ModelCIF file with pLDDT and N, C-alpha, C, O atoms, coordinates in Angstrom:
data_MODEL
#
_entry.id   MODEL 
#
_entity.id                         1 
_entity.type                       polymer 
_entity.pdbx_number_of_molecules   1 
#
_entity_poly.entity_id                      1 
_entity_poly.type                           'polypeptide(L)' 
_entity_poly.nstd_linkage                   no 
_entity_poly.nstd_monomer                   no 
_entity_poly.pdbx_seq_one_letter_code       FEEAVDLARSTPDLGVGLHLNLVRGKPLSPSGESFPLIRPDDGAF 
_entity_poly.pdbx_seq_one_letter_code_can   FEEAVDLARSTPDLGVGLHLNLVRGKPLSPSGESFPLIRPDDGAF 
_entity_poly.pdbx_strand_id                 A 
#
loop_
_entity_poly_seq.entity_id 
_entity_poly_seq.num 
_entity_poly_seq.mon_id 
_entity_poly_seq.hetero 
1 1  PHE n 
1 2  GLU n 
1 3  GLU n 
1 4  ALA n 
1 5  VAL n 
1 6  ASP n 
1 7  LEU n 
1 8  ALA n 
1 9  ARG n 
1 10 SER n 
1 11 THR n 
1 12 PRO n 
1 13 ASP n 
1 14 LEU n 
1 15 GLY n 
1 16 VAL n 
1 17 GLY n 
1 18 LEU n 
1 19 HIS n 
1 20 LEU n 
1 21 ASN n 
1 22 LEU n 
1 23 VAL n 
1 24 ARG n 
1 25 GLY n 
1 26 LYS n 
1 27 PRO n 
1 28 LEU n 
1 29 SER n 
1 30 PRO n 
1 31 SER n 
1 32 GLY n 
1 33 GLU n 
1 34 SER n 
1 35 PHE n 
1 36 PRO n 
1 37 LEU n 
1 38 ILE n 
1 39 ARG n 
1 40 PRO n 
1 41 ASP n 
1 42 ASP n 
1 43 GLY n 
1 44 ALA n 
1 45 PHE n 
#
_struct_asym.id          A 
_struct_asym.entity_id   1 
#
loop_
_ma_qa_metric.id 
_ma_qa_metric.mode 
_ma_qa_metric.name 
_ma_qa_metric.software_group_id 
_ma_qa_metric.type 
1 global pLDDT . pLDDT 
2 local  pLDDT . pLDDT 
#
_ma_qa_metric_global.metric_id      1 
_ma_qa_metric_global.metric_value   94.96 
_ma_qa_metric_global.model_id       1 
_ma_qa_metric_global.ordinal_id     1 
#
loop_
_ma_qa_metric_local.label_asym_id 
_ma_qa_metric_local.label_comp_id 
_ma_qa_metric_local.label_seq_id 
_ma_qa_metric_local.metric_id 
_ma_qa_metric_local.metric_value 
_ma_qa_metric_local.model_id 
_ma_qa_metric_local.ordinal_id 
A PHE 1  2 98.00 1 1  
A GLU 2  2 98.00 1 2  
A GLU 3  2 98.00 1 3  
A ALA 4  2 98.00 1 4  
A VAL 5  2 98.00 1 5  
A ASP 6  2 98.00 1 6  
A LEU 7  2 98.00 1 7  
A ALA 8  2 98.00 1 8  
A ARG 9  2 96.00 1 9  
A SER 10 2 96.00 1 10 
A THR 11 2 97.00 1 11 
A PRO 12 2 95.00 1 12 
A ASP 13 2 96.00 1 13 
A LEU 14 2 98.00 1 14 
A GLY 15 2 98.00 1 15 
A VAL 16 2 98.00 1 16 
A GLY 17 2 98.00 1 17 
A LEU 18 2 98.00 1 18 
A HIS 19 2 97.00 1 19 
A LEU 20 2 97.00 1 20 
A ASN 21 2 96.00 1 21 
A LEU 22 2 94.00 1 22 
A VAL 23 2 92.00 1 23 
A ARG 24 2 92.00 1 24 
A GLY 25 2 93.00 1 25 
A LYS 26 2 95.00 1 26 
A PRO 27 2 97.00 1 27 
A LEU 28 2 97.00 1 28 
A SER 29 2 97.00 1 29 
A PRO 30 2 94.00 1 30 
A SER 31 2 89.00 1 31 
A GLY 32 2 89.00 1 32 
A GLU 33 2 92.00 1 33 
A SER 34 2 94.00 1 34 
A PHE 35 2 92.00 1 35 
A PRO 36 2 93.00 1 36 
A LEU 37 2 93.00 1 37 
A ILE 38 2 93.00 1 38 
A ARG 39 2 91.00 1 39 
A PRO 40 2 90.00 1 40 
A ASP 41 2 91.00 1 41 
A ASP 42 2 92.00 1 42 
A GLY 43 2 93.00 1 43 
A ALA 44 2 93.00 1 44 
A PHE 45 2 93.00 1 45 
#
loop_
_atom_site.group_PDB 
_atom_site.id 
_atom_site.type_symbol 
_atom_site.label_atom_id 
_atom_site.label_alt_id 
_atom_site.label_comp_id 
_atom_site.label_asym_id 
_atom_site.label_entity_id 
_atom_site.label_seq_id 
_atom_site.pdbx_PDB_ins_code 
_atom_site.Cartn_x 
_atom_site.Cartn_y 
_atom_site.Cartn_z 
_atom_site.occupancy 
_atom_site.B_iso_or_equiv 
_atom_site.pdbx_formal_charge 
_atom_site.auth_seq_id 
_atom_site.auth_comp_id 
_atom_site.auth_asym_id 
_atom_site.auth_atom_id 
_atom_site.pdbx_PDB_model_num 
ATOM 1   N N  . PHE A 1 1  ? 8.954  7.858   14.653 1.00 98.00 ? 1  PHE A N  1 
ATOM 2   C CA . PHE A 1 1  ? 8.807  9.058   13.492 1.00 98.00 ? 1  PHE A CA 1 
ATOM 3   C C  . PHE A 1 1  ? 8.345  10.114  14.634 1.00 98.00 ? 1  PHE A C  1 
ATOM 4   O O  . PHE A 1 1  ? 9.174  11.012  14.494 1.00 98.00 ? 1  PHE A O  1 
ATOM 5   N N  . GLU A 1 2  ? 7.411  10.531  15.769 1.00 98.00 ? 2  GLU A N  1 
ATOM 6   C CA . GLU A 1 2  ? 7.787  11.658  16.472 1.00 98.00 ? 2  GLU A CA 1 
ATOM 7   C C  . GLU A 1 2  ? 8.710  12.310  17.504 1.00 98.00 ? 2  GLU A C  1 
ATOM 8   O O  . GLU A 1 2  ? 8.780  13.402  18.069 1.00 98.00 ? 2  GLU A O  1 
ATOM 9   N N  . GLU A 1 3  ? 9.724  10.584  17.496 1.00 98.00 ? 3  GLU A N  1 
ATOM 10  C CA . GLU A 1 3  ? 10.762 11.483  18.218 1.00 98.00 ? 3  GLU A CA 1 
ATOM 11  C C  . GLU A 1 3  ? 11.422 12.065  17.610 1.00 98.00 ? 3  GLU A C  1 
ATOM 12  O O  . GLU A 1 3  ? 12.046 13.084  17.909 1.00 98.00 ? 3  GLU A O  1 
ATOM 13  N N  . ALA A 1 4  ? 11.370 11.313  16.344 1.00 98.00 ? 4  ALA A N  1 
ATOM 14  C CA . ALA A 1 4  ? 12.261 12.015  15.159 1.00 98.00 ? 4  ALA A CA 1 
ATOM 15  C C  . ALA A 1 4  ? 12.074 13.632  15.303 1.00 98.00 ? 4  ALA A C  1 
ATOM 16  O O  . ALA A 1 4  ? 12.752 14.415  15.970 1.00 98.00 ? 4  ALA A O  1 
ATOM 17  N N  . VAL A 1 5  ? 11.266 13.814  14.708 1.00 98.00 ? 5  VAL A N  1 
ATOM 18  C CA . VAL A 1 5  ? 10.433 15.114  14.541 1.00 98.00 ? 5  VAL A CA 1 
ATOM 19  C C  . VAL A 1 5  ? 10.736 16.073  15.738 1.00 98.00 ? 5  VAL A C  1 
ATOM 20  O O  . VAL A 1 5  ? 10.726 17.293  15.574 1.00 98.00 ? 5  VAL A O  1 
ATOM 21  N N  . ASP A 1 6  ? 11.056 15.382  17.177 1.00 98.00 ? 6  ASP A N  1 
ATOM 22  C CA . ASP A 1 6  ? 10.538 16.275  17.944 1.00 98.00 ? 6  ASP A CA 1 
ATOM 23  C C  . ASP A 1 6  ? 12.802 16.743  17.814 1.00 98.00 ? 6  ASP A C  1 
ATOM 24  O O  . ASP A 1 6  ? 13.345 17.846  17.751 1.00 98.00 ? 6  ASP A O  1 
ATOM 25  N N  . LEU A 1 7  ? 13.324 15.568  17.825 1.00 98.00 ? 7  LEU A N  1 
ATOM 26  C CA . LEU A 1 7  ? 14.992 15.856  17.775 1.00 98.00 ? 7  LEU A CA 1 
ATOM 27  C C  . LEU A 1 7  ? 15.145 16.716  16.852 1.00 98.00 ? 7  LEU A C  1 
ATOM 28  O O  . LEU A 1 7  ? 15.902 17.626  17.191 1.00 98.00 ? 7  LEU A O  1 
ATOM 29  N N  . ALA A 1 8  ? 14.545 16.837  15.344 1.00 98.00 ? 8  ALA A N  1 
ATOM 30  C CA . ALA A 1 8  ? 14.979 17.519  13.953 1.00 98.00 ? 8  ALA A CA 1 
ATOM 31  C C  . ALA A 1 8  ? 14.137 18.760  14.632 1.00 98.00 ? 8  ALA A C  1 
ATOM 32  O O  . ALA A 1 8  ? 14.577 19.626  13.876 1.00 98.00 ? 8  ALA A O  1 
ATOM 33  N N  . ARG A 1 9  ? 13.385 19.372  15.371 1.00 96.00 ? 9  ARG A N  1 
ATOM 34  C CA . ARG A 1 9  ? 13.400 20.885  15.689 1.00 96.00 ? 9  ARG A CA 1 
ATOM 35  C C  . ARG A 1 9  ? 14.276 21.554  16.632 1.00 96.00 ? 9  ARG A C  1 
ATOM 36  O O  . ARG A 1 9  ? 14.374 22.780  16.565 1.00 96.00 ? 9  ARG A O  1 
ATOM 37  N N  . SER A 1 10 ? 15.248 20.572  17.933 1.00 96.00 ? 10 SER A N  1 
ATOM 38  C CA . SER A 1 10 ? 15.884 20.794  18.597 1.00 96.00 ? 10 SER A CA 1 
ATOM 39  C C  . SER A 1 10 ? 17.489 20.784  18.041 1.00 96.00 ? 10 SER A C  1 
ATOM 40  O O  . SER A 1 10 ? 18.475 21.086  18.713 1.00 96.00 ? 10 SER A O  1 
ATOM 41  N N  . THR A 1 11 ? 17.469 20.372  16.689 1.00 97.00 ? 11 THR A N  1 
ATOM 42  C CA . THR A 1 11 ? 19.170 20.251  15.890 1.00 97.00 ? 11 THR A CA 1 
ATOM 43  C C  . THR A 1 11 ? 19.045 20.997  14.504 1.00 97.00 ? 11 THR A C  1 
ATOM 44  O O  . THR A 1 11 ? 19.133 20.241  13.536 1.00 97.00 ? 11 THR A O  1 
ATOM 45  N N  . PRO A 1 12 ? 18.832 22.506  14.185 1.00 95.00 ? 12 PRO A N  1 
ATOM 46  C CA . PRO A 1 12 ? 17.872 23.083  13.339 1.00 95.00 ? 12 PRO A CA 1 
ATOM 47  C C  . PRO A 1 12 ? 19.086 22.931  11.955 1.00 95.00 ? 12 PRO A C  1 
ATOM 48  O O  . PRO A 1 12 ? 18.857 22.848  10.748 1.00 95.00 ? 12 PRO A O  1 
ATOM 49  N N  . ASP A 1 13 ? 20.651 22.938  12.833 1.00 96.00 ? 13 ASP A N  1 
ATOM 50  C CA . ASP A 1 13 ? 21.643 22.646  11.719 1.00 96.00 ? 13 ASP A CA 1 
ATOM 51  C C  . ASP A 1 13 ? 21.583 21.303  10.944 1.00 96.00 ? 13 ASP A C  1 
ATOM 52  O O  . ASP A 1 13 ? 22.289 21.242  9.937  1.00 96.00 ? 13 ASP A O  1 
ATOM 53  N N  . LEU A 1 14 ? 20.826 20.203  11.278 1.00 98.00 ? 14 LEU A N  1 
ATOM 54  C CA . LEU A 1 14 ? 20.598 19.312  10.427 1.00 98.00 ? 14 LEU A CA 1 
ATOM 55  C C  . LEU A 1 14 ? 19.595 19.001  9.632  1.00 98.00 ? 14 LEU A C  1 
ATOM 56  O O  . LEU A 1 14 ? 18.449 18.691  9.956  1.00 98.00 ? 14 LEU A O  1 
ATOM 57  N N  . GLY A 1 15 ? 20.436 19.167  7.726  1.00 98.00 ? 15 GLY A N  1 
ATOM 58  C CA . GLY A 1 15 ? 19.347 18.942  6.706  1.00 98.00 ? 15 GLY A CA 1 
ATOM 59  C C  . GLY A 1 15 ? 18.188 17.908  7.362  1.00 98.00 ? 15 GLY A C  1 
ATOM 60  O O  . GLY A 1 15 ? 18.663 17.051  8.108  1.00 98.00 ? 15 GLY A O  1 
ATOM 61  N N  . VAL A 1 16 ? 17.290 17.892  7.247  1.00 98.00 ? 16 VAL A N  1 
ATOM 62  C CA . VAL A 1 16 ? 16.213 16.753  6.597  1.00 98.00 ? 16 VAL A CA 1 
ATOM 63  C C  . VAL A 1 16 ? 15.000 16.384  5.707  1.00 98.00 ? 16 VAL A C  1 
ATOM 64  O O  . VAL A 1 16 ? 13.981 17.074  5.730  1.00 98.00 ? 16 VAL A O  1 
ATOM 65  N N  . GLY A 1 17 ? 15.078 15.677  5.203  1.00 98.00 ? 17 GLY A N  1 
ATOM 66  C CA . GLY A 1 17 ? 14.918 15.072  3.893  1.00 98.00 ? 17 GLY A CA 1 
ATOM 67  C C  . GLY A 1 17 ? 14.005 13.867  3.762  1.00 98.00 ? 17 GLY A C  1 
ATOM 68  O O  . GLY A 1 17 ? 14.442 12.926  4.425  1.00 98.00 ? 17 GLY A O  1 
ATOM 69  N N  . LEU A 1 18 ? 12.987 13.620  3.182  1.00 98.00 ? 18 LEU A N  1 
ATOM 70  C CA . LEU A 1 18 ? 11.903 12.804  3.247  1.00 98.00 ? 18 LEU A CA 1 
ATOM 71  C C  . LEU A 1 18 ? 12.670 11.544  2.503  1.00 98.00 ? 18 LEU A C  1 
ATOM 72  O O  . LEU A 1 18 ? 13.211 11.663  1.404  1.00 98.00 ? 18 LEU A O  1 
ATOM 73  N N  . HIS A 1 19 ? 12.627 10.013  3.456  1.00 97.00 ? 19 HIS A N  1 
ATOM 74  C CA . HIS A 1 19 ? 12.612 8.735   2.445  1.00 97.00 ? 19 HIS A CA 1 
ATOM 75  C C  . HIS A 1 19 ? 11.550 8.387   2.810  1.00 97.00 ? 19 HIS A C  1 
ATOM 76  O O  . HIS A 1 19 ? 11.096 8.159   3.931  1.00 97.00 ? 19 HIS A O  1 
ATOM 77  N N  . LEU A 1 20 ? 10.949 8.324   1.376  1.00 97.00 ? 20 LEU A N  1 
ATOM 78  C CA . LEU A 1 20 ? 9.985  7.787   1.015  1.00 97.00 ? 20 LEU A CA 1 
ATOM 79  C C  . LEU A 1 20 ? 10.226 6.574   0.581  1.00 97.00 ? 20 LEU A C  1 
ATOM 80  O O  . LEU A 1 20 ? 11.141 6.264   -0.182 1.00 97.00 ? 20 LEU A O  1 
ATOM 81  N N  . ASN A 1 21 ? 8.852  5.353   1.379  1.00 96.00 ? 21 ASN A N  1 
ATOM 82  C CA . ASN A 1 21 ? 9.216  4.244   1.754  1.00 96.00 ? 21 ASN A CA 1 
ATOM 83  C C  . ASN A 1 21 ? 7.655  3.475   1.131  1.00 96.00 ? 21 ASN A C  1 
ATOM 84  O O  . ASN A 1 21 ? 6.512  3.767   1.482  1.00 96.00 ? 21 ASN A O  1 
ATOM 85  N N  . LEU A 1 22 ? 8.212  2.115   -0.186 1.00 94.00 ? 22 LEU A N  1 
ATOM 86  C CA . LEU A 1 22 ? 7.198  1.667   0.078  1.00 94.00 ? 22 LEU A CA 1 
ATOM 87  C C  . LEU A 1 22 ? 7.343  0.021   0.382  1.00 94.00 ? 22 LEU A C  1 
ATOM 88  O O  . LEU A 1 22 ? 6.393  -0.669  0.012  1.00 94.00 ? 22 LEU A O  1 
ATOM 89  N N  . VAL A 1 23 ? 8.494  -0.661  1.046  1.00 92.00 ? 23 VAL A N  1 
ATOM 90  C CA . VAL A 1 23 ? 8.952  -1.822  1.146  1.00 92.00 ? 23 VAL A CA 1 
ATOM 91  C C  . VAL A 1 23 ? 9.216  -2.187  2.453  1.00 92.00 ? 23 VAL A C  1 
ATOM 92  O O  . VAL A 1 23 ? 9.778  -3.254  2.702  1.00 92.00 ? 23 VAL A O  1 
ATOM 93  N N  . ARG A 1 24 ? 8.742  -1.124  3.633  1.00 92.00 ? 24 ARG A N  1 
ATOM 94  C CA . ARG A 1 24 ? 8.908  -1.670  5.306  1.00 92.00 ? 24 ARG A CA 1 
ATOM 95  C C  . ARG A 1 24 ? 7.829  -0.954  5.517  1.00 92.00 ? 24 ARG A C  1 
ATOM 96  O O  . ARG A 1 24 ? 7.171  -0.015  5.071  1.00 92.00 ? 24 ARG A O  1 
ATOM 97  N N  . GLY A 1 25 ? 7.893  -1.881  6.517  1.00 93.00 ? 25 GLY A N  1 
ATOM 98  C CA . GLY A 1 25 ? 6.850  -1.575  7.751  1.00 93.00 ? 25 GLY A CA 1 
ATOM 99  C C  . GLY A 1 25 ? 5.134  -1.622  7.526  1.00 93.00 ? 25 GLY A C  1 
ATOM 100 O O  . GLY A 1 25 ? 4.549  -2.700  7.415  1.00 93.00 ? 25 GLY A O  1 
ATOM 101 N N  . LYS A 1 26 ? 4.592  -0.619  7.489  1.00 95.00 ? 26 LYS A N  1 
ATOM 102 C CA . LYS A 1 26 ? 3.008  -0.518  6.716  1.00 95.00 ? 26 LYS A CA 1 
ATOM 103 C C  . LYS A 1 26 ? 2.810  0.687   6.435  1.00 95.00 ? 26 LYS A C  1 
ATOM 104 O O  . LYS A 1 26 ? 3.255  1.425   7.315  1.00 95.00 ? 26 LYS A O  1 
ATOM 105 N N  . PRO A 1 27 ? 2.190  1.378   5.331  1.00 97.00 ? 27 PRO A N  1 
ATOM 106 C CA . PRO A 1 27 ? 1.248  2.094   4.663  1.00 97.00 ? 27 PRO A CA 1 
ATOM 107 C C  . PRO A 1 27 ? 0.615  3.034   5.770  1.00 97.00 ? 27 PRO A C  1 
ATOM 108 O O  . PRO A 1 27 ? 0.110  2.570   6.792  1.00 97.00 ? 27 PRO A O  1 
ATOM 109 N N  . LEU A 1 28 ? 0.656  3.922   5.589  1.00 97.00 ? 28 LEU A N  1 
ATOM 110 C CA . LEU A 1 28 ? 0.071  4.958   5.448  1.00 97.00 ? 28 LEU A CA 1 
ATOM 111 C C  . LEU A 1 28 ? -1.145 5.121   5.286  1.00 97.00 ? 28 LEU A C  1 
ATOM 112 O O  . LEU A 1 28 ? -1.865 5.833   5.986  1.00 97.00 ? 28 LEU A O  1 
ATOM 113 N N  . SER A 1 29 ? -1.513 4.395   4.234  1.00 97.00 ? 29 SER A N  1 
ATOM 114 C CA . SER A 1 29 ? -2.423 4.748   3.502  1.00 97.00 ? 29 SER A CA 1 
ATOM 115 C C  . SER A 1 29 ? -3.621 3.734   4.175  1.00 97.00 ? 29 SER A C  1 
ATOM 116 O O  . SER A 1 29 ? -3.222 2.900   4.987  1.00 97.00 ? 29 SER A O  1 
ATOM 117 N N  . PRO A 1 30 ? -5.087 3.784   3.859  1.00 94.00 ? 30 PRO A N  1 
ATOM 118 C CA . PRO A 1 30 ? -5.862 2.549   4.771  1.00 94.00 ? 30 PRO A CA 1 
ATOM 119 C C  . PRO A 1 30 ? -6.008 1.054   3.765  1.00 94.00 ? 30 PRO A C  1 
ATOM 120 O O  . PRO A 1 30 ? -6.422 1.159   2.610  1.00 94.00 ? 30 PRO A O  1 
ATOM 121 N N  . SER A 1 31 ? -5.752 0.144   4.154  1.00 89.00 ? 31 SER A N  1 
ATOM 122 C CA . SER A 1 31 ? -5.693 -1.072  3.286  1.00 89.00 ? 31 SER A CA 1 
ATOM 123 C C  . SER A 1 31 ? -6.728 -1.019  1.911  1.00 89.00 ? 31 SER A C  1 
ATOM 124 O O  . SER A 1 31 ? -6.223 -1.564  0.929  1.00 89.00 ? 31 SER A O  1 
ATOM 125 N N  . GLY A 1 32 ? -8.019 -0.477  1.709  1.00 89.00 ? 32 GLY A N  1 
ATOM 126 C CA . GLY A 1 32 ? -8.758 -0.480  0.545  1.00 89.00 ? 32 GLY A CA 1 
ATOM 127 C C  . GLY A 1 32 ? -7.754 0.519   -0.304 1.00 89.00 ? 32 GLY A C  1 
ATOM 128 O O  . GLY A 1 32 ? -7.903 0.496   -1.525 1.00 89.00 ? 32 GLY A O  1 
ATOM 129 N N  . GLU A 1 33 ? -7.015 1.158   0.094  1.00 92.00 ? 33 GLU A N  1 
ATOM 130 C CA . GLU A 1 33 ? -6.286 2.334   -1.094 1.00 92.00 ? 33 GLU A CA 1 
ATOM 131 C C  . GLU A 1 33 ? -4.638 1.672   -1.579 1.00 92.00 ? 33 GLU A C  1 
ATOM 132 O O  . GLU A 1 33 ? -4.031 1.942   -2.615 1.00 92.00 ? 33 GLU A O  1 
ATOM 133 N N  . SER A 1 34 ? -4.263 0.883   -0.627 1.00 94.00 ? 34 SER A N  1 
ATOM 134 C CA . SER A 1 34 ? -2.805 0.582   -0.398 1.00 94.00 ? 34 SER A CA 1 
ATOM 135 C C  . SER A 1 34 ? -3.221 -0.832  -0.872 1.00 94.00 ? 34 SER A C  1 
ATOM 136 O O  . SER A 1 34 ? -2.300 -1.392  -0.279 1.00 94.00 ? 34 SER A O  1 
ATOM 137 N N  . PHE A 1 35 ? -3.804 -1.741  -1.403 1.00 92.00 ? 35 PHE A N  1 
ATOM 138 C CA . PHE A 1 35 ? -4.258 -3.094  -1.484 1.00 92.00 ? 35 PHE A CA 1 
ATOM 139 C C  . PHE A 1 35 ? -3.201 -3.606  -2.384 1.00 92.00 ? 35 PHE A C  1 
ATOM 140 O O  . PHE A 1 35 ? -2.745 -4.698  -2.046 1.00 92.00 ? 35 PHE A O  1 
ATOM 141 N N  . PRO A 1 36 ? -2.566 -2.918  -3.757 1.00 93.00 ? 36 PRO A N  1 
ATOM 142 C CA . PRO A 1 36 ? -1.621 -3.416  -4.602 1.00 93.00 ? 36 PRO A CA 1 
ATOM 143 C C  . PRO A 1 36 ? -0.331 -3.538  -3.890 1.00 93.00 ? 36 PRO A C  1 
ATOM 144 O O  . PRO A 1 36 ? 0.389  -4.483  -4.215 1.00 93.00 ? 36 PRO A O  1 
ATOM 145 N N  . LEU A 1 37 ? 0.241  -2.384  -2.578 1.00 93.00 ? 37 LEU A N  1 
ATOM 146 C CA . LEU A 1 37 ? 1.316  -2.681  -2.317 1.00 93.00 ? 37 LEU A CA 1 
ATOM 147 C C  . LEU A 1 37 ? 1.905  -3.792  -1.291 1.00 93.00 ? 37 LEU A C  1 
ATOM 148 O O  . LEU A 1 37 ? 3.053  -4.203  -1.119 1.00 93.00 ? 37 LEU A O  1 
ATOM 149 N N  . ILE A 1 38 ? 0.551  -4.144  -0.619 1.00 93.00 ? 38 ILE A N  1 
ATOM 150 C CA . ILE A 1 38 ? 0.782  -4.671  0.694  1.00 93.00 ? 38 ILE A CA 1 
ATOM 151 C C  . ILE A 1 38 ? 0.548  -6.003  0.576  1.00 93.00 ? 38 ILE A C  1 
ATOM 152 O O  . ILE A 1 38 ? 0.156  -6.480  -0.489 1.00 93.00 ? 38 ILE A O  1 
ATOM 153 N N  . ARG A 1 39 ? 0.804  -6.865  1.847  1.00 91.00 ? 39 ARG A N  1 
ATOM 154 C CA . ARG A 1 39 ? 0.680  -8.527  2.223  1.00 91.00 ? 39 ARG A CA 1 
ATOM 155 C C  . ARG A 1 39 ? -0.877 -8.530  2.485  1.00 91.00 ? 39 ARG A C  1 
ATOM 156 O O  . ARG A 1 39 ? -1.319 -7.669  3.246  1.00 91.00 ? 39 ARG A O  1 
ATOM 157 N N  . PRO A 1 40 ? -1.648 -9.345  1.965  1.00 90.00 ? 40 PRO A N  1 
ATOM 158 C CA . PRO A 1 40 ? -3.023 -9.237  2.797  1.00 90.00 ? 40 PRO A CA 1 
ATOM 159 C C  . PRO A 1 40 ? -3.324 -10.200 3.771  1.00 90.00 ? 40 PRO A C  1 
ATOM 160 O O  . PRO A 1 40 ? -4.514 -10.510 3.809  1.00 90.00 ? 40 PRO A O  1 
ATOM 161 N N  . ASP A 1 41 ? -2.473 -10.841 4.684  1.00 91.00 ? 41 ASP A N  1 
ATOM 162 C CA . ASP A 1 41 ? -2.160 -11.497 5.916  1.00 91.00 ? 41 ASP A CA 1 
ATOM 163 C C  . ASP A 1 41 ? -1.749 -10.328 6.785  1.00 91.00 ? 41 ASP A C  1 
ATOM 164 O O  . ASP A 1 41 ? -1.192 -11.142 7.522  1.00 91.00 ? 41 ASP A O  1 
ATOM 165 N N  . ASP A 1 42 ? -1.593 -9.581  7.169  1.00 92.00 ? 42 ASP A N  1 
ATOM 166 C CA . ASP A 1 42 ? -0.653 -8.525  7.882  1.00 92.00 ? 42 ASP A CA 1 
ATOM 167 C C  . ASP A 1 42 ? -0.679 -7.625  7.530  1.00 92.00 ? 42 ASP A C  1 
ATOM 168 O O  . ASP A 1 42 ? -0.199 -6.922  8.420  1.00 92.00 ? 42 ASP A O  1 
ATOM 169 N N  . GLY A 1 43 ? -1.142 -6.587  6.121  1.00 93.00 ? 43 GLY A N  1 
ATOM 170 C CA . GLY A 1 43 ? -0.998 -5.279  6.261  1.00 93.00 ? 43 GLY A CA 1 
ATOM 171 C C  . GLY A 1 43 ? 0.341  -4.658  5.630  1.00 93.00 ? 43 GLY A C  1 
ATOM 172 O O  . GLY A 1 43 ? 0.316  -3.627  4.959  1.00 93.00 ? 43 GLY A O  1 
ATOM 173 N N  . ALA A 1 44 ? 1.575  -5.416  5.920  1.00 93.00 ? 44 ALA A N  1 
ATOM 174 C CA . ALA A 1 44 ? 3.214  -4.472  5.743  1.00 93.00 ? 44 ALA A CA 1 
ATOM 175 C C  . ALA A 1 44 ? 3.176  -4.803  4.095  1.00 93.00 ? 44 ALA A C  1 
ATOM 176 O O  . ALA A 1 44 ? 2.480  -5.444  3.308  1.00 93.00 ? 44 ALA A O  1 
ATOM 177 N N  . PHE A 1 45 ? 3.919  -4.277  4.087  1.00 93.00 ? 45 PHE A N  1 
ATOM 178 C CA . PHE A 1 45 ? 4.429  -3.576  2.316  1.00 93.00 ? 45 PHE A CA 1 
ATOM 179 C C  . PHE A 1 45 ? 5.097  -4.888  1.961  1.00 93.00 ? 45 PHE A C  1 
ATOM 180 O O  . PHE A 1 45 ? 5.637  -5.029  0.864  1.00 93.00 ? 45 PHE A O  1 
#
């Protein structure tokens, strides 16, 4: 993510939107808030 943000800043003609995600990787929310979304063993979606 951080590298992508840096690249976006240096590429001003590239439109950048948001790829909402509930299915890949781990959520940004803490486990106590995101438990309906995640696997209990590893906290991934």
